[in-house]
Amino acid sequence: MNKTALITGSSAGIGLDIAKKLSESGIKIFLTGRDNEKLAKQAKKINAAGYLAGDLCREEFIQELVKTARKKLTRIDILVNNAGAYIWAPIEKTSPEMIGGIIKLNLQAPYELIRLVTPEMKNSKWGRIINIGSLSGMVGEANASLYSASKAGLIGLTKSLALELAEFNITVNLINPGWVKTGMTEPLFED
């Protein structure tokens, strides 16, 4: 197969499970997340080609991530945009900082990553882009309007790019999980 994959938010939860499955399938993987210690441990455990810890809300980090992943993988055939954040708050309790942070991580970072890997995929006439959305982006969620809006944006981005990139044999798909017990959602399950 000789395929390669960059998976965001892959130090734990859904992203780590995706990374494990891809690695078990013989795909050479590169991990990223915020926790360097967790990434180092998991990269070793699942035989990743490499990892880089950082904040996807920083454009400089996104540039560095793609550059580093390409070095370790040679190219990026598969991009899994899994990293994300959830905020549960009534609309009047959200702040401009919260709005900027959620939109950057859940929508802008995936857009930027896709923008950076697409030229290479077009040249090789093969690519797979998988965005991890949420049922909240499809049906909305009371007190999570910011999260729902960011995931709805990801749905629109996925649909548009699926049409735009199909002629280059690049598929763009979206997985909309419901509630999954991960570190991000554990406190909500306890409530």
N, C-alpha and C. Protein backbone atom coordinates (compact mmCIF):
# COMPACT_ATOMS: atom_id res chain seq x y z
N MET A 1 0.83 -1.20 0.00
CA MET A 1 0.00 0.00 0.00
C MET A 1 0.88 1.27 0.00
N ASN A 2 1.85 1.36 0.88
CA ASN A 2 2.78 2.49 0.94
C ASN A 2 2.11 3.85 1.05
N LYS A 3 1.02 3.94 1.77
CA LYS A 3 0.33 5.20 1.96
C LYS A 3 0.74 5.83 3.28
N THR A 4 0.55 7.14 3.38
CA THR A 4 0.92 7.89 4.58
C THR A 4 -0.26 8.71 5.07
N ALA A 5 -0.27 9.01 6.39
CA ALA A 5 -1.39 9.76 6.95
C ALA A 5 -0.92 10.70 8.05
N LEU A 6 -1.49 11.89 8.05
CA LEU A 6 -1.35 12.86 9.13
C LEU A 6 -2.68 12.92 9.85
N ILE A 7 -2.65 12.69 11.17
CA ILE A 7 -3.88 12.66 11.96
C ILE A 7 -3.78 13.72 13.06
N THR A 8 -4.67 14.70 13.07
CA THR A 8 -4.65 15.72 14.12
C THR A 8 -5.43 15.23 15.33
N GLY A 9 -5.10 15.77 16.49
CA GLY A 9 -5.79 15.37 17.72
C GLY A 9 -5.61 13.89 17.99
N SER A 10 -4.39 13.39 17.78
CA SER A 10 -4.18 11.94 17.81
C SER A 10 -3.41 11.43 19.03
N SER A 11 -3.38 12.22 20.10
CA SER A 11 -2.71 11.72 21.31
C SER A 11 -3.67 10.94 22.21
N ALA A 12 -4.97 11.02 21.94
CA ALA A 12 -5.97 10.34 22.77
C ALA A 12 -7.30 10.26 22.01
N GLY A 13 -8.25 9.56 22.59
CA GLY A 13 -9.63 9.54 22.09
C GLY A 13 -9.78 9.01 20.68
N ILE A 14 -10.71 9.60 19.95
CA ILE A 14 -11.04 9.17 18.59
C ILE A 14 -9.81 9.24 17.68
N GLY A 15 -9.03 10.31 17.78
CA GLY A 15 -7.85 10.47 16.93
C GLY A 15 -6.83 9.38 17.12
N LEU A 16 -6.60 9.00 18.37
CA LEU A 16 -5.64 7.92 18.65
C LEU A 16 -6.16 6.60 18.11
N ASP A 17 -7.45 6.34 18.27
CA ASP A 17 -8.02 5.10 17.74
C ASP A 17 -7.90 5.04 16.22
N ILE A 18 -8.13 6.16 15.56
CA ILE A 18 -7.97 6.22 14.09
C ILE A 18 -6.51 5.94 13.73
N ALA A 19 -5.58 6.58 14.45
CA ALA A 19 -4.15 6.39 14.19
C ALA A 19 -3.75 4.92 14.35
N LYS A 20 -4.26 4.28 15.40
CA LYS A 20 -3.96 2.86 15.63
C LYS A 20 -4.44 2.01 14.46
N LYS A 21 -5.68 2.23 14.04
CA LYS A 21 -6.25 1.43 12.94
C LYS A 21 -5.47 1.63 11.64
N LEU A 22 -5.11 2.87 11.35
CA LEU A 22 -4.35 3.14 10.12
C LEU A 22 -2.98 2.48 10.19
N SER A 23 -2.33 2.58 11.34
CA SER A 23 -1.01 1.96 11.51
C SER A 23 -1.10 0.45 11.36
N GLU A 24 -2.12 -0.16 11.97
CA GLU A 24 -2.32 -1.61 11.85
C GLU A 24 -2.58 -2.03 10.41
N SER A 25 -3.10 -1.11 9.59
CA SER A 25 -3.38 -1.39 8.18
C SER A 25 -2.15 -1.21 7.29
N GLY A 26 -1.02 -0.86 7.92
CA GLY A 26 0.21 -0.69 7.15
C GLY A 26 0.45 0.71 6.63
N ILE A 27 -0.35 1.65 7.08
CA ILE A 27 -0.18 3.04 6.66
C ILE A 27 0.83 3.71 7.60
N LYS A 28 1.77 4.43 7.02
CA LYS A 28 2.79 5.16 7.78
C LYS A 28 2.12 6.42 8.33
N ILE A 29 2.15 6.60 9.66
CA ILE A 29 1.38 7.68 10.26
C ILE A 29 2.24 8.71 10.98
N PHE A 30 1.69 9.93 11.05
CA PHE A 30 2.31 11.04 11.78
C PHE A 30 1.24 11.62 12.70
N LEU A 31 1.59 11.77 13.98
CA LEU A 31 0.64 12.22 14.99
C LEU A 31 0.85 13.69 15.36
N THR A 32 -0.22 14.32 15.77
CA THR A 32 -0.10 15.66 16.33
C THR A 32 -1.21 15.89 17.36
N GLY A 33 -0.89 16.71 18.33
CA GLY A 33 -1.80 17.07 19.41
C GLY A 33 -1.09 18.11 20.26
N ARG A 34 -1.64 18.42 21.40
CA ARG A 34 -1.04 19.45 22.26
C ARG A 34 -0.09 18.89 23.31
N ASP A 35 -0.25 17.63 23.67
CA ASP A 35 0.49 17.04 24.78
C ASP A 35 1.69 16.25 24.28
N ASN A 36 2.87 16.84 24.39
CA ASN A 36 4.10 16.23 23.89
C ASN A 36 4.36 14.87 24.53
N GLU A 37 4.16 14.78 25.85
CA GLU A 37 4.43 13.54 26.57
C GLU A 37 3.53 12.40 26.08
N LYS A 38 2.23 12.69 25.95
CA LYS A 38 1.28 11.68 25.46
C LYS A 38 1.62 11.26 24.03
N LEU A 39 1.96 12.25 23.19
CA LEU A 39 2.29 11.94 21.80
C LEU A 39 3.51 11.04 21.71
N ALA A 40 4.55 11.35 22.49
CA ALA A 40 5.77 10.55 22.48
C ALA A 40 5.46 9.11 22.86
N LYS A 41 4.67 8.94 23.91
CA LYS A 41 4.30 7.61 24.40
C LYS A 41 3.51 6.84 23.34
N GLN A 42 2.49 7.50 22.78
CA GLN A 42 1.62 6.83 21.80
C GLN A 42 2.35 6.56 20.49
N ALA A 43 3.19 7.49 20.06
CA ALA A 43 3.94 7.31 18.81
C ALA A 43 4.80 6.06 18.89
N LYS A 44 5.44 5.88 20.02
CA LYS A 44 6.29 4.70 20.22
C LYS A 44 5.43 3.44 20.24
N LYS A 45 4.32 3.50 20.96
CA LYS A 45 3.44 2.34 21.14
C LYS A 45 2.85 1.85 19.81
N ILE A 46 2.47 2.78 18.93
CA ILE A 46 1.82 2.37 17.67
C ILE A 46 2.73 2.49 16.46
N ASN A 47 4.01 2.70 16.73
CA ASN A 47 5.02 2.71 15.66
C ASN A 47 4.77 3.82 14.63
N ALA A 48 4.51 5.04 15.11
CA ALA A 48 4.31 6.18 14.22
C ALA A 48 5.66 6.62 13.64
N ALA A 49 5.63 7.20 12.47
CA ALA A 49 6.84 7.71 11.84
C ALA A 49 7.36 8.95 12.56
N GLY A 50 6.46 9.62 13.27
CA GLY A 50 6.85 10.81 14.01
C GLY A 50 5.64 11.50 14.61
N TYR A 51 5.92 12.59 15.31
CA TYR A 51 4.86 13.37 15.94
C TYR A 51 5.38 14.79 16.17
N LEU A 52 4.45 15.71 16.37
CA LEU A 52 4.80 17.09 16.69
C LEU A 52 3.68 17.67 17.56
N ALA A 53 4.07 18.18 18.72
CA ALA A 53 3.09 18.78 19.63
C ALA A 53 3.00 20.28 19.38
N GLY A 54 1.79 20.80 19.45
CA GLY A 54 1.59 22.23 19.27
C GLY A 54 0.13 22.61 19.18
N ASP A 55 -0.10 23.87 18.91
CA ASP A 55 -1.44 24.45 18.92
C ASP A 55 -1.89 24.75 17.49
N LEU A 56 -2.90 24.05 17.02
CA LEU A 56 -3.42 24.26 15.67
C LEU A 56 -4.11 25.61 15.49
N CYS A 57 -4.29 26.35 16.57
CA CYS A 57 -4.84 27.70 16.45
C CYS A 57 -3.77 28.70 16.00
N ARG A 58 -2.53 28.27 16.01
CA ARG A 58 -1.42 29.12 15.55
C ARG A 58 -1.04 28.74 14.13
N GLU A 59 -1.16 29.68 13.19
CA GLU A 59 -0.88 29.38 11.80
C GLU A 59 0.56 28.93 11.59
N GLU A 60 1.50 29.50 12.37
CA GLU A 60 2.90 29.10 12.23
C GLU A 60 3.06 27.62 12.56
N PHE A 61 2.30 27.15 13.54
CA PHE A 61 2.40 25.73 13.90
C PHE A 61 1.86 24.85 12.77
N ILE A 62 0.78 25.26 12.14
CA ILE A 62 0.21 24.48 11.03
C ILE A 62 1.25 24.34 9.92
N GLN A 63 1.92 25.44 9.60
CA GLN A 63 2.97 25.41 8.56
C GLN A 63 4.08 24.44 8.96
N GLU A 64 4.54 24.55 10.21
CA GLU A 64 5.61 23.70 10.73
C GLU A 64 5.18 22.23 10.74
N LEU A 65 3.92 21.98 11.11
CA LEU A 65 3.40 20.62 11.16
C LEU A 65 3.45 19.95 9.80
N VAL A 66 2.95 20.62 8.78
CA VAL A 66 2.92 20.04 7.43
C VAL A 66 4.35 19.79 6.93
N LYS A 67 5.22 20.75 7.18
CA LYS A 67 6.63 20.62 6.76
C LYS A 67 7.30 19.43 7.45
N THR A 68 7.10 19.30 8.76
CA THR A 68 7.70 18.22 9.53
C THR A 68 7.11 16.87 9.14
N ALA A 69 5.79 16.82 8.98
CA ALA A 69 5.14 15.56 8.58
C ALA A 69 5.64 15.11 7.22
N ARG A 70 5.79 16.04 6.29
CA ARG A 70 6.28 15.68 4.95
C ARG A 70 7.70 15.10 5.04
N LYS A 71 8.52 15.70 5.89
CA LYS A 71 9.89 15.19 6.06
C LYS A 71 9.89 13.75 6.54
N LYS A 72 9.06 13.47 7.55
CA LYS A 72 9.02 12.13 8.14
C LYS A 72 8.30 11.11 7.27
N LEU A 73 7.29 11.57 6.52
CA LEU A 73 6.47 10.65 5.73
C LEU A 73 6.85 10.62 4.25
N THR A 74 7.59 11.59 3.77
CA THR A 74 7.92 11.83 2.37
C THR A 74 6.82 12.61 1.67
N ARG A 75 5.57 12.25 1.93
CA ARG A 75 4.41 12.95 1.37
C ARG A 75 3.22 12.70 2.30
N ILE A 76 2.13 13.41 2.07
CA ILE A 76 0.91 13.19 2.87
C ILE A 76 -0.20 12.75 1.91
N ASP A 77 -0.57 11.47 2.01
CA ASP A 77 -1.63 10.91 1.16
C ASP A 77 -3.00 11.07 1.79
N ILE A 78 -3.03 10.95 3.12
CA ILE A 78 -4.29 10.95 3.87
C ILE A 78 -4.20 12.00 4.97
N LEU A 79 -5.20 12.84 5.07
CA LEU A 79 -5.28 13.83 6.14
C LEU A 79 -6.56 13.56 6.93
N VAL A 80 -6.40 13.36 8.23
CA VAL A 80 -7.56 13.19 9.11
C VAL A 80 -7.61 14.40 10.03
N ASN A 81 -8.61 15.25 9.83
CA ASN A 81 -8.81 16.44 10.67
C ASN A 81 -9.72 16.05 11.83
N ASN A 82 -9.09 15.64 12.93
CA ASN A 82 -9.84 15.17 14.09
C ASN A 82 -9.81 16.17 15.25
N ALA A 83 -8.76 16.96 15.36
CA ALA A 83 -8.63 17.87 16.51
C ALA A 83 -9.84 18.78 16.62
N GLY A 84 -10.28 19.01 17.84
CA GLY A 84 -11.43 19.89 18.04
C GLY A 84 -11.63 20.19 19.50
N ALA A 85 -12.46 21.16 19.75
CA ALA A 85 -12.79 21.54 21.13
C ALA A 85 -14.30 21.76 21.21
N TYR A 86 -14.81 21.57 22.42
CA TYR A 86 -16.24 21.68 22.68
C TYR A 86 -16.45 22.69 23.80
N ILE A 87 -17.43 23.57 23.61
CA ILE A 87 -17.80 24.52 24.67
C ILE A 87 -19.30 24.40 24.89
N TRP A 88 -19.67 24.18 26.13
CA TRP A 88 -21.08 24.15 26.51
C TRP A 88 -21.34 25.43 27.28
N ALA A 89 -22.08 26.35 26.66
CA ALA A 89 -22.38 27.63 27.31
C ALA A 89 -23.54 28.29 26.58
N PRO A 90 -24.45 28.92 27.32
CA PRO A 90 -25.49 29.71 26.67
C PRO A 90 -24.82 30.82 25.86
N ILE A 91 -25.46 31.24 24.81
CA ILE A 91 -24.83 32.21 23.89
C ILE A 91 -24.36 33.47 24.60
N GLU A 92 -25.13 33.94 25.58
CA GLU A 92 -24.73 35.20 26.26
C GLU A 92 -23.51 35.01 27.16
N LYS A 93 -23.14 33.77 27.41
CA LYS A 93 -21.97 33.51 28.26
C LYS A 93 -20.70 33.24 27.43
N THR A 94 -20.82 33.32 26.10
CA THR A 94 -19.63 33.14 25.26
C THR A 94 -18.94 34.48 25.10
N SER A 95 -17.64 34.43 24.81
CA SER A 95 -16.85 35.64 24.65
C SER A 95 -16.21 35.65 23.26
N PRO A 96 -15.76 36.82 22.82
CA PRO A 96 -15.06 36.87 21.52
C PRO A 96 -13.87 35.91 21.47
N GLU A 97 -13.18 35.73 22.61
CA GLU A 97 -12.03 34.82 22.65
C GLU A 97 -12.49 33.37 22.44
N MET A 98 -13.61 33.02 23.06
CA MET A 98 -14.16 31.66 22.88
C MET A 98 -14.56 31.45 21.42
N ILE A 99 -15.21 32.44 20.85
CA ILE A 99 -15.66 32.35 19.46
C ILE A 99 -14.45 32.13 18.54
N GLY A 100 -13.45 32.99 18.70
CA GLY A 100 -12.24 32.88 17.87
C GLY A 100 -11.55 31.54 18.03
N GLY A 101 -11.43 31.07 19.26
CA GLY A 101 -10.73 29.81 19.52
C GLY A 101 -11.42 28.61 18.92
N ILE A 102 -12.73 28.51 19.09
CA ILE A 102 -13.48 27.36 18.57
C ILE A 102 -13.50 27.37 17.04
N ILE A 103 -13.75 28.52 16.46
CA ILE A 103 -13.78 28.61 14.99
C ILE A 103 -12.41 28.28 14.42
N LYS A 104 -11.36 28.79 15.05
CA LYS A 104 -10.00 28.50 14.57
C LYS A 104 -9.69 27.02 14.61
N LEU A 105 -9.96 26.38 15.73
CA LEU A 105 -9.59 24.97 15.88
C LEU A 105 -10.50 24.04 15.10
N ASN A 106 -11.80 24.26 15.16
CA ASN A 106 -12.75 23.32 14.57
C ASN A 106 -13.00 23.53 13.08
N LEU A 107 -12.70 24.71 12.56
CA LEU A 107 -12.98 24.99 11.15
C LEU A 107 -11.79 25.56 10.38
N GLN A 108 -11.15 26.58 10.92
CA GLN A 108 -10.05 27.23 10.19
C GLN A 108 -8.83 26.33 10.07
N ALA A 109 -8.46 25.63 11.13
CA ALA A 109 -7.29 24.74 11.08
C ALA A 109 -7.49 23.63 10.04
N PRO A 110 -8.64 22.93 10.02
CA PRO A 110 -8.83 21.94 8.97
C PRO A 110 -8.74 22.55 7.56
N TYR A 111 -9.33 23.73 7.40
CA TYR A 111 -9.28 24.41 6.10
C TYR A 111 -7.83 24.64 5.68
N GLU A 112 -7.03 25.19 6.61
CA GLU A 112 -5.62 25.48 6.33
C GLU A 112 -4.84 24.22 6.00
N LEU A 113 -5.05 23.18 6.77
CA LEU A 113 -4.34 21.92 6.52
C LEU A 113 -4.69 21.36 5.14
N ILE A 114 -5.96 21.39 4.81
CA ILE A 114 -6.39 20.90 3.49
C ILE A 114 -5.76 21.75 2.40
N ARG A 115 -5.75 23.05 2.59
CA ARG A 115 -5.16 23.96 1.60
C ARG A 115 -3.69 23.61 1.35
N LEU A 116 -2.98 23.25 2.41
CA LEU A 116 -1.55 22.96 2.29
C LEU A 116 -1.25 21.59 1.70
N VAL A 117 -2.10 20.60 1.91
CA VAL A 117 -1.82 19.25 1.39
C VAL A 117 -2.42 18.99 0.01
N THR A 118 -3.39 19.78 -0.40
CA THR A 118 -4.09 19.53 -1.66
C THR A 118 -3.19 19.59 -2.90
N PRO A 119 -2.28 20.56 -3.05
CA PRO A 119 -1.46 20.57 -4.26
C PRO A 119 -0.70 19.26 -4.49
N GLU A 120 -0.14 18.72 -3.45
CA GLU A 120 0.59 17.45 -3.52
C GLU A 120 -0.33 16.30 -3.91
N MET A 121 -1.52 16.27 -3.33
CA MET A 121 -2.50 15.24 -3.67
C MET A 121 -2.94 15.36 -5.13
N LYS A 122 -3.14 16.59 -5.60
CA LYS A 122 -3.52 16.80 -7.01
C LYS A 122 -2.43 16.29 -7.94
N ASN A 123 -1.17 16.57 -7.60
CA ASN A 123 -0.05 16.12 -8.43
C ASN A 123 0.02 14.60 -8.53
N SER A 124 -0.25 13.92 -7.41
CA SER A 124 -0.18 12.46 -7.42
C SER A 124 -1.50 11.82 -7.87
N LYS A 125 -2.52 12.64 -8.09
CA LYS A 125 -3.84 12.17 -8.53
C LYS A 125 -4.44 11.15 -7.54
N TRP A 126 -4.16 11.38 -6.24
CA TRP A 126 -4.72 10.50 -5.21
C TRP A 126 -4.65 11.21 -3.87
N GLY A 127 -5.73 11.15 -3.12
CA GLY A 127 -5.73 11.70 -1.78
C GLY A 127 -7.01 11.35 -1.05
N ARG A 128 -6.91 11.32 0.26
CA ARG A 128 -8.07 11.06 1.11
C ARG A 128 -8.06 12.09 2.23
N ILE A 129 -9.14 12.84 2.33
CA ILE A 129 -9.30 13.82 3.40
C ILE A 129 -10.53 13.42 4.20
N ILE A 130 -10.34 13.22 5.48
CA ILE A 130 -11.44 12.81 6.36
C ILE A 130 -11.57 13.84 7.47
N ASN A 131 -12.71 14.48 7.53
CA ASN A 131 -12.99 15.46 8.58
C ASN A 131 -13.89 14.81 9.63
N ILE A 132 -13.55 15.04 10.89
CA ILE A 132 -14.38 14.52 11.97
C ILE A 132 -15.28 15.65 12.45
N GLY A 133 -16.54 15.52 12.14
CA GLY A 133 -17.52 16.53 12.51
C GLY A 133 -18.24 16.14 13.79
N SER A 134 -19.54 16.36 13.81
CA SER A 134 -20.35 16.02 14.97
C SER A 134 -21.82 16.07 14.57
N LEU A 135 -22.63 15.23 15.21
CA LEU A 135 -24.07 15.31 14.99
C LEU A 135 -24.59 16.70 15.35
N SER A 136 -23.91 17.37 16.27
CA SER A 136 -24.32 18.73 16.67
C SER A 136 -24.26 19.70 15.50
N GLY A 137 -23.37 19.45 14.54
CA GLY A 137 -23.28 20.30 13.36
C GLY A 137 -24.43 20.08 12.40
N MET A 138 -25.09 18.94 12.50
CA MET A 138 -26.22 18.62 11.62
C MET A 138 -27.54 19.06 12.22
N VAL A 139 -27.71 18.84 13.53
CA VAL A 139 -29.02 19.08 14.13
C VAL A 139 -29.02 20.22 15.15
N GLY A 140 -27.84 20.75 15.47
CA GLY A 140 -27.76 21.79 16.49
C GLY A 140 -27.78 21.19 17.89
N GLU A 141 -27.43 22.02 18.86
CA GLU A 141 -27.42 21.56 20.24
C GLU A 141 -27.60 22.78 21.14
N ALA A 142 -28.61 22.75 21.97
CA ALA A 142 -28.85 23.85 22.90
C ALA A 142 -27.64 24.05 23.80
N ASN A 143 -27.28 25.27 24.03
CA ASN A 143 -26.15 25.65 24.87
C ASN A 143 -24.79 25.22 24.30
N ALA A 144 -24.78 24.86 23.04
CA ALA A 144 -23.52 24.54 22.36
C ALA A 144 -23.57 25.11 20.95
N SER A 145 -24.18 26.29 20.82
CA SER A 145 -24.36 26.89 19.49
C SER A 145 -23.04 27.18 18.81
N LEU A 146 -22.04 27.57 19.56
CA LEU A 146 -20.73 27.88 18.98
C LEU A 146 -20.09 26.61 18.41
N TYR A 147 -20.10 25.54 19.18
CA TYR A 147 -19.57 24.26 18.72
C TYR A 147 -20.36 23.78 17.51
N SER A 148 -21.69 23.81 17.60
CA SER A 148 -22.54 23.36 16.50
C SER A 148 -22.29 24.16 15.23
N ALA A 149 -22.13 25.47 15.36
CA ALA A 149 -21.87 26.32 14.20
C ALA A 149 -20.53 25.96 13.54
N SER A 150 -19.51 25.72 14.36
CA SER A 150 -18.19 25.39 13.80
C SER A 150 -18.24 24.04 13.07
N LYS A 151 -18.97 23.08 13.61
CA LYS A 151 -19.08 21.77 12.97
C LYS A 151 -19.99 21.83 11.74
N ALA A 152 -20.99 22.69 11.75
CA ALA A 152 -21.82 22.89 10.56
C ALA A 152 -20.98 23.48 9.43
N GLY A 153 -20.08 24.38 9.78
CA GLY A 153 -19.15 24.93 8.79
C GLY A 153 -18.28 23.84 8.18
N LEU A 154 -17.84 22.90 9.01
CA LEU A 154 -17.02 21.79 8.53
C LEU A 154 -17.80 20.90 7.57
N ILE A 155 -19.10 20.75 7.82
CA ILE A 155 -19.96 19.98 6.91
C ILE A 155 -20.00 20.67 5.54
N GLY A 156 -20.21 21.98 5.53
CA GLY A 156 -20.25 22.73 4.27
C GLY A 156 -18.93 22.68 3.53
N LEU A 157 -17.83 22.81 4.27
CA LEU A 157 -16.49 22.73 3.67
C LEU A 157 -16.28 21.36 3.02
N THR A 158 -16.65 20.31 3.73
CA THR A 158 -16.48 18.95 3.21
C THR A 158 -17.27 18.73 1.93
N LYS A 159 -18.53 19.14 1.92
CA LYS A 159 -19.37 18.96 0.73
C LYS A 159 -18.79 19.70 -0.47
N SER A 160 -18.36 20.94 -0.25
CA SER A 160 -17.81 21.75 -1.35
C SER A 160 -16.53 21.16 -1.90
N LEU A 161 -15.63 20.75 -0.99
CA LEU A 161 -14.35 20.21 -1.45
C LEU A 161 -14.50 18.84 -2.08
N ALA A 162 -15.48 18.06 -1.64
CA ALA A 162 -15.73 16.77 -2.28
C ALA A 162 -16.03 16.97 -3.77
N LEU A 163 -16.80 17.99 -4.09
CA LEU A 163 -17.13 18.31 -5.48
C LEU A 163 -15.91 18.87 -6.21
N GLU A 164 -15.20 19.76 -5.56
CA GLU A 164 -14.06 20.44 -6.18
C GLU A 164 -12.89 19.49 -6.49
N LEU A 165 -12.66 18.52 -5.62
CA LEU A 165 -11.45 17.70 -5.74
C LEU A 165 -11.68 16.32 -6.34
N ALA A 166 -12.92 15.96 -6.61
CA ALA A 166 -13.24 14.62 -7.13
C ALA A 166 -12.50 14.31 -8.42
N GLU A 167 -12.36 15.27 -9.31
CA GLU A 167 -11.72 15.01 -10.61
C GLU A 167 -10.24 14.67 -10.47
N PHE A 168 -9.66 14.93 -9.30
CA PHE A 168 -8.25 14.61 -9.06
C PHE A 168 -8.09 13.31 -8.28
N ASN A 169 -9.17 12.54 -8.14
CA ASN A 169 -9.17 11.29 -7.37
C ASN A 169 -8.84 11.55 -5.90
N ILE A 170 -9.31 12.68 -5.41
CA ILE A 170 -9.19 13.04 -3.99
C ILE A 170 -10.60 12.99 -3.41
N THR A 171 -10.79 12.12 -2.44
CA THR A 171 -12.10 12.08 -1.79
C THR A 171 -12.05 12.90 -0.51
N VAL A 172 -13.15 13.56 -0.23
CA VAL A 172 -13.28 14.36 0.99
C VAL A 172 -14.56 13.90 1.67
N ASN A 173 -14.40 13.33 2.86
CA ASN A 173 -15.55 12.77 3.58
C ASN A 173 -15.61 13.30 5.00
N LEU A 174 -16.77 13.13 5.59
CA LEU A 174 -17.02 13.61 6.93
C LEU A 174 -17.63 12.49 7.76
N ILE A 175 -17.15 12.35 8.97
CA ILE A 175 -17.75 11.42 9.92
C ILE A 175 -18.35 12.27 11.03
N ASN A 176 -19.63 12.08 11.31
CA ASN A 176 -20.33 12.85 12.34
C ASN A 176 -20.68 11.95 13.52
N PRO A 177 -19.72 11.76 14.44
CA PRO A 177 -20.06 10.92 15.60
C PRO A 177 -21.04 11.63 16.53
N GLY A 178 -21.79 10.82 17.26
CA GLY A 178 -22.60 11.36 18.35
C GLY A 178 -21.72 11.43 19.59
N TRP A 179 -22.31 11.32 20.75
CA TRP A 179 -21.54 11.38 21.99
C TRP A 179 -20.64 10.15 22.12
N VAL A 180 -19.35 10.41 22.25
CA VAL A 180 -18.35 9.37 22.45
C VAL A 180 -17.61 9.71 23.73
N LYS A 181 -17.48 8.75 24.61
CA LYS A 181 -16.81 9.01 25.88
C LYS A 181 -15.30 9.09 25.65
N THR A 182 -14.77 10.32 25.70
CA THR A 182 -13.34 10.58 25.57
C THR A 182 -12.95 11.54 26.68
N GLY A 183 -11.69 11.88 26.75
CA GLY A 183 -11.24 12.86 27.75
C GLY A 183 -11.97 14.18 27.63
N MET A 184 -12.31 14.58 26.40
CA MET A 184 -12.98 15.87 26.17
C MET A 184 -14.41 15.85 26.72
N THR A 185 -15.09 14.70 26.63
CA THR A 185 -16.50 14.65 27.01
C THR A 185 -16.76 13.99 28.36
N GLU A 186 -15.74 13.42 28.97
CA GLU A 186 -15.91 12.69 30.24
C GLU A 186 -16.67 13.48 31.30
N PRO A 187 -16.33 14.78 31.52
CA PRO A 187 -17.09 15.52 32.56
C PRO A 187 -18.58 15.61 32.25
N LEU A 188 -18.95 15.65 30.98
CA LEU A 188 -20.36 15.73 30.61
C LEU A 188 -21.07 14.42 30.88
N PHE A 189 -20.37 13.30 30.68
CA PHE A 189 -20.95 12.01 31.00
C PHE A 189 -21.19 11.87 32.50
N GLU A 190 -20.30 12.44 33.30
CA GLU A 190 -20.43 12.37 34.76
C GLU A 190 -21.65 13.15 35.24
N ASP A 191 -21.97 14.26 34.56
CA ASP A 191 -23.15 15.05 34.91
C ASP A 191 -24.41 14.29 34.62
